[in-house]
PDB file of N, CA and C in Angstrom:
ATOM      1  N   MET A   1      44.016   4.205  -9.465  1.00  0.00           N
ATOM      2  CA  MET A   1      44.365   3.646  -9.883  1.00  0.00           C
ATOM      3  C   MET A   1      43.935   3.059 -11.385  1.00  0.00           C
ATOM      4  N   ASN A   2      45.208   3.338 -12.137  1.00  0.00           N
ATOM      5  CA  ASN A   2      44.836   2.722 -13.727  1.00  0.00           C
ATOM      6  C   ASN A   2      45.426   1.947 -13.466  1.00  0.00           C
ATOM      7  N   ASP A   3      44.172   0.670 -14.472  1.00  0.00           N
ATOM      8  CA  ASP A   3      45.032  -0.804 -14.701  1.00  0.00           C
ATOM      9  C   ASP A   3      45.523  -0.921 -15.523  1.00  0.00           C
ATOM     10  N   ASP A   4      46.648  -0.584 -16.011  1.00  0.00           N
ATOM     11  CA  ASP A   4      47.174  -0.542 -16.984  1.00  0.00           C
ATOM     12  C   ASP A   4      48.469   0.349 -16.713  1.00  0.00           C
ATOM     13  N   VAL A   5      48.733   1.018 -15.614  1.00  0.00           N
ATOM     14  CA  VAL A   5      49.735   1.135 -15.255  1.00  0.00           C
ATOM     15  C   VAL A   5      50.256  -0.186 -14.115  1.00  0.00           C
ATOM     16  N   PHE A   6      49.110  -0.394 -13.445  1.00  0.00           N
ATOM     17  CA  PHE A   6      49.133  -1.183 -12.170  1.00  0.00           C
ATOM     18  C   PHE A   6      49.377  -2.261 -12.867  1.00  0.00           C
ATOM     19  N   LYS A   7      48.901  -3.024 -14.276  1.00  0.00           N
ATOM     20  CA  LYS A   7      49.756  -3.882 -14.815  1.00  0.00           C
ATOM     21  C   LYS A   7      51.121  -3.510 -15.433  1.00  0.00           C
ATOM     22  N   GLY A   8      51.766  -2.817 -15.627  1.00  0.00           N
ATOM     23  CA  GLY A   8      53.005  -2.227 -16.324  1.00  0.00           C
ATOM     24  C   GLY A   8      54.166  -2.640 -14.998  1.00  0.00           C
ATOM     25  N   MET A   9      53.716  -2.433 -13.541  1.00  0.00           N
ATOM     26  CA  MET A   9      54.478  -2.419 -12.731  1.00  0.00           C
ATOM     27  C   MET A   9      53.972  -3.768 -11.863  1.00  0.00           C
ATOM     28  N   TRP A  10      53.429  -4.545 -12.395  1.00  0.00           N
ATOM     29  CA  TRP A  10      53.128  -6.166 -11.143  1.00  0.00           C
ATOM     30  C   TRP A  10      54.026  -6.143 -10.517  1.00  0.00           C
ATOM     31  N   LYS A  11      55.699  -6.992 -11.159  1.00  0.00           N
ATOM     32  CA  LYS A  11      56.683  -7.438 -11.029  1.00  0.00           C
ATOM     33  C   LYS A  11      56.958  -6.819  -9.721  1.00  0.00           C
ATOM     34  N   GLN A  12      57.320  -5.511  -9.744  1.00  0.00           N
ATOM     35  CA  GLN A  12      57.351  -4.707  -8.623  1.00  0.00           C
ATOM     36  C   GLN A  12      56.524  -4.668  -7.874  1.00  0.00           C
ATOM     37  N   VAL A  13      55.083  -4.437  -7.839  1.00  0.00           N
ATOM     38  CA  VAL A  13      53.963  -4.791  -6.850  1.00  0.00           C
ATOM     39  C   VAL A  13      54.103  -6.292  -6.160  1.00  0.00           C
ATOM     40  N   ARG A  14      54.423  -7.356  -6.931  1.00  0.00           N
ATOM     41  CA  ARG A  14      53.862  -8.580  -6.665  1.00  0.00           C
ATOM     42  C   ARG A  14      55.011  -8.947  -5.732  1.00  0.00           C
ATOM     43  N   GLY A  15      56.268  -8.636  -5.074  1.00  0.00           N
ATOM     44  CA  GLY A  15      56.811  -8.804  -4.866  1.00  0.00           C
ATOM     45  C   GLY A  15      56.886  -8.099  -3.416  1.00  0.00           C
ATOM     46  N   ARG A  16      56.276  -6.813  -3.292  1.00  0.00           N
ATOM     47  CA  ARG A  16      56.034  -5.832  -2.224  1.00  0.00           C
ATOM     48  C   ARG A  16      54.562  -6.288  -1.345  1.00  0.00           C
ATOM     49  N   ALA A  17      53.697  -6.483  -2.369  1.00  0.00           N
ATOM     50  CA  ALA A  17      52.142  -7.418  -1.830  1.00  0.00           C
ATOM     51  C   ALA A  17      52.659  -8.450  -1.148  1.00  0.00           C
ATOM     52  N   LYS A  18      52.960  -9.369  -1.331  1.00  0.00           N
ATOM     53  CA  LYS A  18      53.928 -10.538  -0.458  1.00  0.00           C
ATOM     54  C   LYS A  18      54.238 -10.328   0.995  1.00  0.00           C
ATOM     55  N   GLN A  19      55.178  -8.974   0.774  1.00  0.00           N
ATOM     56  CA  GLN A  19      55.546  -8.271   2.128  1.00  0.00           C
ATOM     57  C   GLN A  19      54.343  -7.813   3.238  1.00  0.00           C
ATOM     58  N   VAL A  20      54.170  -7.026   1.946  1.00  0.00           N
ATOM     59  CA  VAL A  20      52.965  -5.952   3.292  1.00  0.00           C
ATOM     60  C   VAL A  20      51.370  -7.357   3.767  1.00  0.00           C
ATOM     61  N   TRP A  21      51.217  -8.175   2.588  1.00  0.00           N
ATOM     62  CA  TRP A  21      50.029  -9.443   2.529  1.00  0.00           C
ATOM     63  C   TRP A  21      50.659 -10.557   2.977  1.00  0.00           C
ATOM     64  N   GLY A  22      51.031 -10.954   3.731  1.00  0.00           N
ATOM     65  CA  GLY A  22      51.573 -12.307   4.499  1.00  0.00           C
ATOM     66  C   GLY A  22      50.713 -12.860   4.089  1.00  0.00           C
ATOM     67  N   ASP A  23      49.552 -13.324   4.076  1.00  0.00           N
ATOM     68  CA  ASP A  23      48.577 -14.200   3.988  1.00  0.00           C
ATOM     69  C   ASP A  23      48.477 -14.672   2.063  1.00  0.00           C
ATOM     70  N   LEU A  24      48.779 -13.314   1.158  1.00  0.00           N
ATOM     71  CA  LEU A  24      48.855 -13.993  -0.311  1.00  0.00           C
ATOM     72  C   LEU A  24      49.541 -14.937  -0.250  1.00  0.00           C
ATOM     73  N   THR A  25      49.060 -15.790  -1.057  1.00  0.00           N
ATOM     74  CA  THR A  25      49.730 -17.173  -1.532  1.00  0.00           C
ATOM     75  C   THR A  25      50.475 -16.954  -3.087  1.00  0.00           C
ATOM     76  N   ASP A  26      51.326 -17.670  -3.705  1.00  0.00           N
ATOM     77  CA  ASP A  26      51.982 -17.356  -4.812  1.00  0.00           C
ATOM     78  C   ASP A  26      50.359 -17.849  -6.223  1.00  0.00           C
ATOM     79  N   ASP A  27      49.990 -18.384  -5.124  1.00  0.00           N
ATOM     80  CA  ASP A  27      48.039 -18.416  -5.938  1.00  0.00           C
ATOM     81  C   ASP A  27      47.083 -17.607  -6.250  1.00  0.00           C
ATOM     82  N   ASP A  28      47.488 -17.313  -5.153  1.00  0.00           N
ATOM     83  CA  ASP A  28      46.300 -15.853  -5.333  1.00  0.00           C
ATOM     84  C   ASP A  28      47.157 -14.573  -6.171  1.00  0.00           C
ATOM     85  N   LEU A  29      48.246 -14.617  -5.952  1.00  0.00           N
ATOM     86  CA  LEU A  29      49.513 -13.494  -7.014  1.00  0.00           C
ATOM     87  C   LEU A  29      49.575 -13.781  -8.443  1.00  0.00           C
ATOM     88  N   THR A  30      49.418 -14.932  -8.442  1.00  0.00           N
ATOM     89  CA  THR A  30      49.377 -15.262  -9.988  1.00  0.00           C
ATOM     90  C   THR A  30      47.508 -15.472 -10.459  1.00  0.00           C
ATOM     91  N   LYS A  31      46.438 -15.293  -9.580  1.00  0.00           N
ATOM     92  CA  LYS A  31      45.376 -15.429 -10.045  1.00  0.00           C
ATOM     93  C   LYS A  31      44.837 -13.393 -10.497  1.00  0.00           C
ATOM     94  N   ILE A  32      45.871 -13.182  -9.593  1.00  0.00           N
ATOM     95  CA  ILE A  32      46.028 -11.324  -9.813  1.00  0.00           C
ATOM     96  C   ILE A  32      46.347 -11.315 -11.231  1.00  0.00           C
ATOM     97  N   ASP A  33      47.399 -11.553 -11.568  1.00  0.00           N
ATOM     98  CA  ASP A  33      47.927 -11.281 -12.852  1.00  0.00           C
ATOM     99  C   ASP A  33      48.262 -10.140 -12.783  1.00  0.00           C
ATOM    100  N   GLY A  34      48.494  -8.867 -12.555  1.00  0.00           N
ATOM    101  CA  GLY A  34      48.176  -7.359 -12.983  1.00  0.00           C
ATOM    102  C   GLY A  34      46.842  -7.036 -12.927  1.00  0.00           C
ATOM    103  N   SER A  35      46.268  -6.997 -12.970  1.00  0.00           N
ATOM    104  CA  SER A  35      44.521  -6.971 -12.575  1.00  0.00           C
ATOM    105  C   SER A  35      44.528  -6.126 -11.730  1.00  0.00           C
ATOM    106  N   TYR A  36      44.569  -4.908 -11.222  1.00  0.00           N
ATOM    107  CA  TYR A  36      44.136  -4.348 -10.550  1.00  0.00           C
ATOM    108  C   TYR A  36      42.723  -3.970  -9.391  1.00  0.00           C
ATOM    109  N   ASP A  37      41.693  -4.629 -10.571  1.00  0.00           N
ATOM    110  CA  ASP A  37      40.522  -5.286  -9.947  1.00  0.00           C
ATOM    111  C   ASP A  37      40.396  -6.426  -8.999  1.00  0.00           C
ATOM    112  N   ARG A  38      41.243  -7.082  -9.762  1.00  0.00           N
ATOM    113  CA  ARG A  38      41.659  -9.079  -9.341  1.00  0.00           C
ATOM    114  C   ARG A  38      41.734  -8.738  -7.989  1.00  0.00           C
ATOM    115  N   PHE A  39      43.233  -7.657  -7.914  1.00  0.00           N
ATOM    116  CA  PHE A  39      43.622  -7.636  -6.347  1.00  0.00           C
ATOM    117  C   PHE A  39      43.025  -7.241  -5.304  1.00  0.00           C
ATOM    118  N   VAL A  40      42.179  -5.985  -5.874  1.00  0.00           N
ATOM    119  CA  VAL A  40      41.489  -5.824  -4.787  1.00  0.00           C
ATOM    120  C   VAL A  40      40.117  -6.647  -4.532  1.00  0.00           C
ATOM    121  N   GLY A  41      39.970  -7.681  -5.562  1.00  0.00           N
ATOM    122  CA  GLY A  41      38.536  -8.987  -4.873  1.00  0.00           C
ATOM    123  C   GLY A  41      39.716  -9.836  -4.190  1.00  0.00           C
ATOM    124  N   VAL A  42      41.137 -10.004  -4.212  1.00  0.00           N
ATOM    125  CA  VAL A  42      41.669 -11.446  -3.417  1.00  0.00           C
ATOM    126  C   VAL A  42      41.564 -10.171  -2.345  1.00  0.00           C
ATOM    127  N   LEU A  43      41.955  -8.676  -1.699  1.00  0.00           N
ATOM    128  CA  LEU A  43      42.225  -8.106  -0.377  1.00  0.00           C
ATOM    129  C   LEU A  43      40.877  -8.770   0.246  1.00  0.00           C
ATOM    130  N   GLN A  44      39.840  -7.974  -0.561  1.00  0.00           N
ATOM    131  CA  GLN A  44      38.265  -8.305   0.078  1.00  0.00           C
ATOM    132  C   GLN A  44      38.138  -9.947   0.672  1.00  0.00           C
ATOM    133  N   GLU A  45      38.525 -10.570  -0.267  1.00  0.00           N
ATOM    134  CA  GLU A  45      38.762 -12.299   0.132  1.00  0.00           C
ATOM    135  C   GLU A  45      39.020 -12.531   1.416  1.00  0.00           C
ATOM    136  N   LYS A  46      40.190 -12.082   0.954  1.00  0.00           N
ATOM    137  CA  LYS A  46      41.645 -12.626   2.523  1.00  0.00           C
ATOM    138  C   LYS A  46      41.918 -11.942   3.316  1.00  0.00           C
ATOM    139  N   TYR A  47      41.002 -10.354   3.733  1.00  0.00           N
ATOM    140  CA  TYR A  47      41.366  -9.814   4.525  1.00  0.00           C
ATOM    141  C   TYR A  47      40.075  -8.748   5.125  1.00  0.00           C
ATOM    142  N   GLY A  48      38.706  -8.742   4.678  1.00  0.00           N
ATOM    143  CA  GLY A  48      37.190  -8.713   4.940  1.00  0.00           C
ATOM    144  C   GLY A  48      37.372  -7.170   4.618  1.00  0.00           C
ATOM    145  N   TYR A  49      38.364  -6.561   3.593  1.00  0.00           N
ATOM    146  CA  TYR A  49      37.654  -5.352   2.783  1.00  0.00           C
ATOM    147  C   TYR A  49      36.475  -5.502   2.363  1.00  0.00           C
ATOM    148  N   SER A  50      36.469  -3.701   2.651  1.00  0.00           N
ATOM    149  CA  SER A  50      35.389  -3.029   1.341  1.00  0.00           C
ATOM    150  C   SER A  50      35.981  -3.420   0.440  1.00  0.00           C
ATOM    151  N   LYS A  51      35.586  -3.037  -0.942  1.00  0.00           N
ATOM    152  CA  LYS A  51      36.222  -2.699  -2.098  1.00  0.00           C
ATOM    153  C   LYS A  51      36.861  -1.104  -1.938  1.00  0.00           C
ATOM    154  N   GLU A  52      36.790   0.086  -0.883  1.00  0.00           N
ATOM    155  CA  GLU A  52      36.597   1.245  -1.469  1.00  0.00           C
ATOM    156  C   GLU A  52      38.331   1.132  -0.051  1.00  0.00           C
ATOM    157  N   GLU A  53      38.078   0.054   1.057  1.00  0.00           N
ATOM    158  CA  GLU A  53      39.260   0.151   1.656  1.00  0.00           C
ATOM    159  C   GLU A  53      40.288  -0.515   1.273  1.00  0.00           C
ATOM    160  N   ALA A  54      40.021  -1.805   0.107  1.00  0.00           N
ATOM    161  CA  ALA A  54      41.241  -2.553  -0.400  1.00  0.00           C
ATOM    162  C   ALA A  54      42.120  -1.518  -1.078  1.00  0.00           C
ATOM    163  N   GLN A  55      41.287  -0.756  -1.683  1.00  0.00           N
ATOM    164  CA  GLN A  55      41.695   0.117  -3.035  1.00  0.00           C
ATOM    165  C   GLN A  55      42.771   1.541  -2.409  1.00  0.00           C
ATOM    166  N   GLU A  56      42.062   2.433  -0.907  1.00  0.00           N
ATOM    167  CA  GLU A  56      42.919   2.975  -0.323  1.00  0.00           C
ATOM    168  C   GLU A  56      43.796   1.909   0.376  1.00  0.00           C
ATOM    169  N   LYS A  57      44.200   1.266   0.754  1.00  0.00           N
ATOM    170  CA  LYS A  57      45.497   0.351   1.526  1.00  0.00           C
ATOM    171  C   LYS A  57      46.251   0.096  -0.251  1.00  0.00           C
ATOM    172  N   ILE A  58      45.929  -0.448  -0.765  1.00  0.00           N
ATOM    173  CA  ILE A  58      46.631  -0.081  -2.203  1.00  0.00           C
ATOM    174  C   ILE A  58      46.864   0.919  -2.829  1.00  0.00           C
ATOM    175  N   ASP A  59      46.679   1.716  -2.380  1.00  0.00           N
ATOM    176  CA  ASP A  59      46.840   3.687  -2.766  1.00  0.00           C
ATOM    177  C   ASP A  59      48.105   3.516  -2.155  1.00  0.00           C
ATOM    178  N   SER A  60      47.259   3.687  -1.124  1.00  0.00           N
ATOM    179  CA  SER A  60      48.673   4.102   0.411  1.00  0.00           C
ATOM    180  C   SER A  60      49.783   3.294  -0.067  1.00  0.00           C
ATOM    181  N   GLU A  61      49.961   1.708  -0.089  1.00  0.00           N
ATOM    182  CA  GLU A  61      51.281   1.400  -0.341  1.00  0.00           C
ATOM    183  C   GLU A  61      51.835   1.941  -1.684  1.00  0.00           C
ATOM    184  N   PHE A  62      51.460   1.887  -2.738  1.00  0.00           N
ATOM    185  CA  PHE A  62      51.619   1.505  -3.827  1.00  0.00           C
ATOM    186  C   PHE A  62      51.806   2.910  -4.292  1.00  0.00           C
ATOM    187  N   GLY A  63      50.873   4.200  -4.190  1.00  0.00           N
ATOM    188  CA  GLY A  63      50.966   5.174  -4.900  1.00  0.00           C
ATOM    189  C   GLY A  63      49.561   5.512  -5.358  1.00  0.00           C
ATOM    190  N   SER A  64      48.894   7.030  -5.877  1.00  0.00           N
ATOM    191  CA  SER A  64      47.964   6.824  -6.499  1.00  0.00           C
ATOM    192  C   SER A  64      48.042   7.138  -7.960  1.00  0.00           C
ATOM    193  N   ALA A  65      49.337   7.288  -8.122  1.00  0.00           N
ATOM    194  CA  ALA A  65      50.042   7.111  -9.544  1.00  0.00           C
ATOM    195  C   ALA A  65      50.163   6.229 -10.004  1.00  0.00           C
ATOM    196  N   ALA A  66      50.497   4.858  -9.197  1.00  0.00           N
ATOM    197  CA  ALA A  66      51.088   3.726  -9.799  1.00  0.00           C
ATOM    198  C   ALA A  66      49.892   3.084 -10.145  1.00  0.00           C
TER     199      ALA A  66
END
């Protein structure tokens, strides 16, 4: 996933991410601030995903074009 595209979609992604990953707090979402890499890192921390697993989950939820 392209980080620039992800950042551009962040407002839409933010709301959906909180629905999909209910353990994400507003502080987590503020920390992510539209960065794909930070989002991957937060999912790794909160859910114990590997980097690849976090990327796959994001891509499957928001589409690889996102």
